[in-house]
Amino acid sequence: MMASKFKECIIVGGGNSVQQGIKEGLWDKIKGREVWSTNFVFMTMPYLPSREIWLDKSFFKSNIVKLEELYKNGVPCYTKKNAIYANIPEIQTYPSSREVRDFDNEEKLFSGGSGLTGTFSLSLAIRERYWRIYLLGFDFGTVSKDDKNTHYYQHSLNVHSVGFGNPQIYREEKNQEQVKSTVEEYKLFLNRGAEIVNVSPNSNIHCFQKISYTEFFRRINETKNK
């Protein structure tokens, strides 16, 4: 499946590496581009995202008023199929699977063994044939099991998430020195017709090209000026 040339999006995850981008003027520099917000990201943005994506139905229930404001303001909302969304046509749903055997299933979007919104979002971008996909905040945990700064907004948003400050959920239960083997599932996205760039030099996801925010800003500015 070939991606559509020049169709580009920026998917923003919650990883702590986004802090560096914000320090360098991230929101101003990506304003006007196609920016996909995952989970709580939209609450930190100074303008509306192009899309809002989540998986956990408890996230929806806890933030239903804010999410209603988003789709009333024209922001498309996406999540995995669940009966609670059956009577909310504004929310677009897809069947989802954590099983590798379903990766090429045209009926479902892949969310990985860890069931992550970021993985689901990347699956959606591949399904829609984006040519270039920038991943921000796709850290897959922290560099060290002792580093509890897992999310860039964990100290600024008064919200509940089991992942906040909980680096062990990204690591093997029996050996906390090792990142979960499910991180290797991201290799499935290679050679799918899209250029995937991870703007997180210290990310535990190693299969994609990793660049700094300085390089990211240079690239998107270069694209803008073409």
Protein backbone atom coordinates (compact mmCIF):
# COMPACT_ATOMS: atom_id res chain seq x y z
CA MET A 1 0.00 0.00 0.00
CA MET A 2 1.52 3.28 -1.10
CA ALA A 3 1.07 6.46 0.93
CA SER A 4 -0.10 9.71 -0.61
CA LYS A 5 2.85 11.98 -1.37
CA PHE A 6 2.92 15.23 0.61
CA LYS A 7 0.20 14.03 3.01
CA GLU A 8 1.88 14.71 6.34
CA CYS A 9 0.78 14.67 9.98
CA ILE A 10 2.26 15.21 13.43
CA ILE A 11 1.05 12.84 16.15
CA VAL A 12 1.69 14.16 19.66
CA GLY A 13 1.98 11.62 22.44
CA GLY A 14 2.42 12.33 26.13
CA GLY A 15 6.08 11.38 26.59
CA ASN A 16 8.21 13.70 28.69
CA SER A 17 10.47 14.50 25.71
CA VAL A 18 7.78 16.94 24.50
CA GLN A 19 9.00 19.24 27.28
CA GLN A 20 12.07 19.99 25.20
CA GLY A 21 9.96 20.87 22.20
CA ILE A 22 7.80 23.23 24.25
CA LYS A 23 10.93 24.98 25.54
CA GLU A 24 11.94 25.53 21.92
CA GLY A 25 8.56 26.97 20.88
CA LEU A 26 6.82 23.81 19.70
CA TRP A 27 3.23 25.03 19.63
CA ASP A 28 4.00 28.16 17.64
CA LYS A 29 6.20 26.27 15.21
CA ILE A 30 3.64 23.59 14.36
CA LYS A 31 0.61 25.89 14.32
CA GLY A 32 -1.38 25.52 11.12
CA ARG A 33 -0.11 22.00 10.47
CA GLU A 34 -2.03 18.76 10.82
CA VAL A 35 -1.53 17.95 14.50
CA TRP A 36 -3.14 14.88 16.05
CA SER A 37 -3.62 14.99 19.83
CA THR A 38 -3.62 11.76 21.83
CA ASN A 39 -5.37 11.55 25.20
CA PHE A 40 -4.68 14.64 27.36
CA VAL A 41 -2.44 16.46 24.86
CA PHE A 42 -5.22 18.75 23.59
CA MET A 43 -5.60 20.17 27.11
CA THR A 44 -2.07 21.58 26.89
CA MET A 45 -2.35 23.05 23.40
CA PRO A 46 -3.03 26.79 22.87
CA TYR A 47 -5.28 26.00 19.88
CA LEU A 48 -7.45 23.14 18.66
CA PRO A 49 -5.81 19.97 17.35
CA SER A 50 -6.65 18.57 13.92
CA ARG A 51 -7.87 15.38 15.59
CA GLU A 52 -8.29 13.96 19.08
CA ILE A 53 -7.67 10.27 19.68
CA TRP A 54 -8.01 8.08 22.77
CA LEU A 55 -8.62 4.42 23.61
CA ASP A 56 -9.53 4.10 27.28
CA LYS A 57 -13.26 4.50 27.87
CA SER A 58 -12.51 5.74 31.40
CA PHE A 59 -10.67 8.64 29.76
CA PHE A 60 -13.84 9.45 27.85
CA LYS A 61 -16.05 9.23 30.93
CA SER A 62 -13.71 11.45 32.96
CA ASN A 63 -13.34 14.09 30.25
CA ILE A 64 -16.65 13.93 28.42
CA VAL A 65 -17.40 17.66 28.78
CA LYS A 66 -14.02 18.70 27.34
CA LEU A 67 -14.35 16.17 24.53
CA GLU A 68 -17.84 17.44 23.70
CA GLU A 69 -16.37 20.93 23.37
CA LEU A 70 -13.81 19.59 20.93
CA TYR A 71 -16.21 17.98 18.52
CA LYS A 72 -18.65 20.89 18.80
CA ASN A 73 -15.75 23.04 17.61
CA GLY A 74 -15.21 20.78 14.63
CA VAL A 75 -12.40 18.57 15.90
CA PRO A 76 -12.85 14.98 14.65
CA CYS A 77 -12.64 12.46 17.52
CA TYR A 78 -11.48 8.88 17.15
CA THR A 79 -11.39 5.86 19.43
CA LYS A 80 -11.79 2.09 19.39
CA LYS A 81 -15.24 0.65 18.94
CA ASN A 82 -17.30 0.34 22.11
CA ALA A 83 -21.03 0.25 22.84
CA ILE A 84 -20.83 3.46 24.89
CA TYR A 85 -20.24 5.44 21.67
CA ALA A 86 -23.10 3.83 19.73
CA ASN A 87 -25.34 6.89 20.04
CA ILE A 88 -22.63 9.52 19.59
CA PRO A 89 -22.18 9.89 15.84
CA GLU A 90 -19.64 12.68 16.32
CA ILE A 91 -17.13 10.09 17.56
CA GLN A 92 -15.62 7.91 14.85
CA THR A 93 -14.81 4.41 16.04
CA TYR A 94 -12.77 1.51 14.68
CA PRO A 95 -12.49 -2.09 15.81
CA SER A 96 -9.10 -2.51 17.43
CA SER A 97 -6.79 -5.41 18.22
CA ARG A 98 -3.66 -5.92 20.32
CA GLU A 99 -2.76 -9.09 18.43
CA VAL A 100 0.14 -9.02 15.97
CA ARG A 101 -1.74 -11.50 13.77
CA ASP A 102 -4.33 -8.76 13.17
CA PHE A 103 -1.84 -6.12 12.03
CA ASP A 104 -2.85 -6.46 8.38
CA ASN A 105 -6.52 -6.98 9.15
CA GLU A 106 -8.32 -4.33 7.10
CA GLU A 107 -11.24 -4.41 9.54
CA LYS A 108 -9.17 -3.43 12.59
CA LEU A 109 -6.58 -0.94 13.77
CA PHE A 110 -3.57 -2.23 15.67
CA SER A 111 -2.99 -0.88 19.20
CA GLY A 112 -0.07 -3.14 20.15
CA GLY A 113 0.31 -5.54 23.02
CA SER A 114 0.27 -2.64 25.48
CA GLY A 115 -2.92 -1.20 24.00
CA LEU A 116 -1.50 2.30 23.50
CA THR A 117 -3.32 5.24 21.95
CA GLY A 118 -0.14 6.25 20.14
CA THR A 119 0.08 2.89 18.40
CA PHE A 120 -3.59 3.07 17.44
CA SER A 121 -3.04 6.60 16.07
CA LEU A 122 -0.06 5.49 14.02
CA SER A 123 -2.14 2.63 12.64
CA LEU A 124 -4.81 5.13 11.62
CA ALA A 125 -2.27 7.35 9.86
CA ILE A 126 -0.90 4.36 7.95
CA ARG A 127 -4.44 3.26 7.07
CA GLU A 128 -5.15 6.73 5.68
CA ARG A 129 -1.95 6.64 3.64
CA TYR A 130 0.00 9.49 5.11
CA TRP A 131 3.32 9.95 3.38
CA ARG A 132 5.26 11.34 6.33
CA ILE A 133 4.41 10.91 10.00
CA TYR A 134 6.22 12.75 12.78
CA LEU A 135 5.93 11.17 16.22
CA LEU A 136 6.31 13.50 19.21
CA GLY A 137 6.35 12.20 22.77
CA PHE A 138 6.60 8.56 21.67
CA ASP A 139 9.13 7.76 24.39
CA PHE A 140 7.70 4.38 25.48
CA GLY A 141 8.58 5.06 29.08
CA THR A 142 11.78 6.56 30.39
CA VAL A 143 15.49 5.91 29.93
CA SER A 144 15.77 4.56 33.47
CA LYS A 145 13.35 2.59 35.60
CA ASP A 146 14.04 5.13 38.34
CA ASP A 147 13.03 8.13 36.22
CA LYS A 148 9.39 8.84 37.06
CA ASN A 149 9.00 11.75 34.63
CA THR A 150 6.99 9.71 32.15
CA HIS A 151 4.63 12.40 30.78
CA TYR A 152 5.29 16.03 29.97
CA TYR A 153 2.00 17.15 31.52
CA GLN A 154 1.90 14.94 34.62
CA HIS A 155 2.78 17.84 36.93
CA SER A 156 0.62 20.46 35.24
CA LEU A 157 -2.73 18.75 34.63
CA ASN A 158 -5.04 17.74 37.43
CA VAL A 159 -6.11 14.48 35.80
CA HIS A 160 -5.88 10.81 36.63
CA SER A 161 -3.88 8.32 34.62
CA VAL A 162 -2.34 5.08 35.82
CA GLY A 163 0.67 5.75 33.61
CA PHE A 164 1.65 9.08 35.18
CA GLY A 165 4.96 8.70 37.01
CA ASN A 166 4.76 4.95 36.58
CA PRO A 167 7.73 3.90 34.39
CA GLN A 168 7.42 0.24 35.36
CA ILE A 169 4.36 -0.26 33.14
CA TYR A 170 6.69 0.11 30.16
CA ARG A 171 9.16 -2.45 31.54
CA GLU A 172 9.20 -6.19 31.97
CA GLU A 173 7.56 -7.30 35.18
CA LYS A 174 10.32 -9.77 36.07
CA ASN A 175 13.21 -7.57 34.95
CA GLN A 176 12.62 -3.87 35.36
CA GLU A 177 15.93 -3.12 33.64
CA GLN A 178 14.38 -4.24 30.35
CA VAL A 179 11.82 -2.36 28.31
CA LYS A 180 8.78 -4.49 27.40
CA SER A 181 9.34 -6.69 24.38
CA THR A 182 6.16 -5.27 22.83
CA VAL A 183 8.19 -2.20 21.84
CA GLU A 184 9.50 -4.38 19.01
CA GLU A 185 6.00 -4.41 17.52
CA TYR A 186 6.67 -0.95 16.09
CA LYS A 187 8.85 -2.65 13.47
CA LEU A 188 5.60 -3.81 11.86
CA PHE A 189 5.05 -0.23 10.70
CA LEU A 190 8.24 -0.18 8.64
CA ASN A 191 8.02 -0.43 4.85
CA ARG A 192 4.34 0.48 4.80
CA GLY A 193 4.75 3.35 2.35
CA ALA A 194 5.22 6.07 4.98
CA GLU A 195 8.29 7.84 6.33
CA ILE A 196 8.00 7.66 10.13
CA VAL A 197 10.21 10.01 12.12
CA ASN A 198 10.53 9.84 15.91
CA VAL A 199 11.25 13.28 17.39
CA SER A 200 12.63 11.84 20.61
CA PRO A 201 16.37 11.02 20.55
CA ASN A 202 16.21 9.02 23.80
CA SER A 203 13.03 7.11 22.95
CA ASN A 204 12.93 3.40 23.73
CA ILE A 205 11.42 2.91 20.26
CA HIS A 206 14.54 2.37 18.17
CA CYS A 207 13.22 1.14 14.83
CA PHE A 208 12.31 4.59 13.44
CA GLN A 209 14.70 7.37 12.56
CA LYS A 210 15.18 9.54 15.65
CA ILE A 211 15.84 13.27 15.42
CA SER A 212 16.09 16.27 17.76
CA TYR A 213 13.56 19.11 17.94
CA THR A 214 16.10 21.39 16.28
CA GLU A 215 16.21 19.06 13.29
CA PHE A 216 12.44 18.61 13.34
CA PHE A 217 11.85 22.37 13.16
CA ARG A 218 14.38 22.67 10.36
CA ARG A 219 12.63 19.97 8.35
CA ILE A 220 9.10 21.27 8.70
CA ASN A 221 10.26 24.79 7.92
CA GLU A 222 12.00 23.49 4.81
CA THR A 223 8.81 21.70 3.73
CA LYS A 224 6.77 24.87 4.34
CA ASN A 225 9.06 26.91 2.11
CA LYS A 226 8.92 24.49 -0.84
